[in-house]
Amino acid sequence: MKRRNRVVFVLGQCIIQITLIKSI
């Protein structure tokens, strides 16, 4: 479960970065 949580966290950060770059 801990591993899965980390993967989800990393994916979430990547998505946030992509959305920020696209918003600009």
N, C-alpha and C. Protein backbone atom coordinates (compact mmCIF):
# COMPACT_ATOMS: atom_id res chain seq x y z
N MET A 1 0.84 -1.20 0.00
CA MET A 1 0.00 0.00 0.00
C MET A 1 0.89 1.26 0.00
N LYS A 2 1.95 1.22 0.79
CA LYS A 2 2.83 2.40 0.82
C LYS A 2 3.40 2.67 -0.57
N ARG A 3 3.81 1.60 -1.24
CA ARG A 3 4.40 1.79 -2.58
C ARG A 3 3.37 2.42 -3.51
N ARG A 4 2.14 1.88 -3.44
CA ARG A 4 1.10 2.40 -4.33
C ARG A 4 0.84 3.88 -4.03
N ASN A 5 0.83 4.22 -2.74
CA ASN A 5 0.58 5.63 -2.38
C ASN A 5 1.67 6.52 -2.98
N ARG A 6 2.89 6.06 -2.96
CA ARG A 6 3.99 6.88 -3.50
C ARG A 6 3.81 7.05 -5.00
N VAL A 7 3.43 5.98 -5.68
CA VAL A 7 3.25 6.07 -7.14
C VAL A 7 2.14 7.07 -7.44
N VAL A 8 1.05 7.00 -6.70
CA VAL A 8 -0.07 7.93 -6.94
C VAL A 8 0.39 9.36 -6.66
N PHE A 9 1.18 9.55 -5.63
CA PHE A 9 1.66 10.89 -5.30
C PHE A 9 2.53 11.44 -6.43
N VAL A 10 3.43 10.61 -6.94
CA VAL A 10 4.31 11.06 -8.04
C VAL A 10 3.47 11.38 -9.27
N LEU A 11 2.50 10.51 -9.58
CA LEU A 11 1.65 10.76 -10.75
C LEU A 11 0.90 12.07 -10.56
N GLY A 12 0.39 12.30 -9.37
CA GLY A 12 -0.34 13.54 -9.10
C GLY A 12 0.56 14.75 -9.32
N GLN A 13 1.79 14.69 -8.88
CA GLN A 13 2.71 15.82 -9.06
C GLN A 13 2.95 16.06 -10.54
N CYS A 14 3.13 14.99 -11.30
CA CYS A 14 3.36 15.13 -12.75
C CYS A 14 2.14 15.79 -13.40
N ILE A 15 0.95 15.35 -13.02
CA ILE A 15 -0.27 15.93 -13.60
C ILE A 15 -0.35 17.41 -13.25
N ILE A 16 -0.03 17.76 -12.01
CA ILE A 16 -0.09 19.17 -11.60
C ILE A 16 0.90 19.98 -12.44
N GLN A 17 2.10 19.45 -12.64
CA GLN A 17 3.10 20.18 -13.43
C GLN A 17 2.60 20.38 -14.85
N ILE A 18 2.02 19.33 -15.45
CA ILE A 18 1.53 19.43 -16.83
C ILE A 18 0.42 20.48 -16.90
N THR A 19 -0.49 20.46 -15.94
CA THR A 19 -1.60 21.42 -15.97
C THR A 19 -1.05 22.84 -15.81
N LEU A 20 -0.05 23.02 -14.96
CA LEU A 20 0.52 24.37 -14.78
C LEU A 20 1.16 24.84 -16.08
N ILE A 21 1.91 23.94 -16.72
CA ILE A 21 2.58 24.33 -17.98
C ILE A 21 1.53 24.65 -19.05
N LYS A 22 0.47 23.86 -19.10
CA LYS A 22 -0.57 24.09 -20.13
C LYS A 22 -1.33 25.38 -19.82
N SER A 23 -1.55 25.66 -18.54
CA SER A 23 -2.33 26.86 -18.18
C SER A 23 -1.56 28.12 -18.60
N ILE A 24 -0.24 28.07 -18.52
CA ILE A 24 0.55 29.27 -18.86
C ILE A 24 0.44 29.54 -20.37
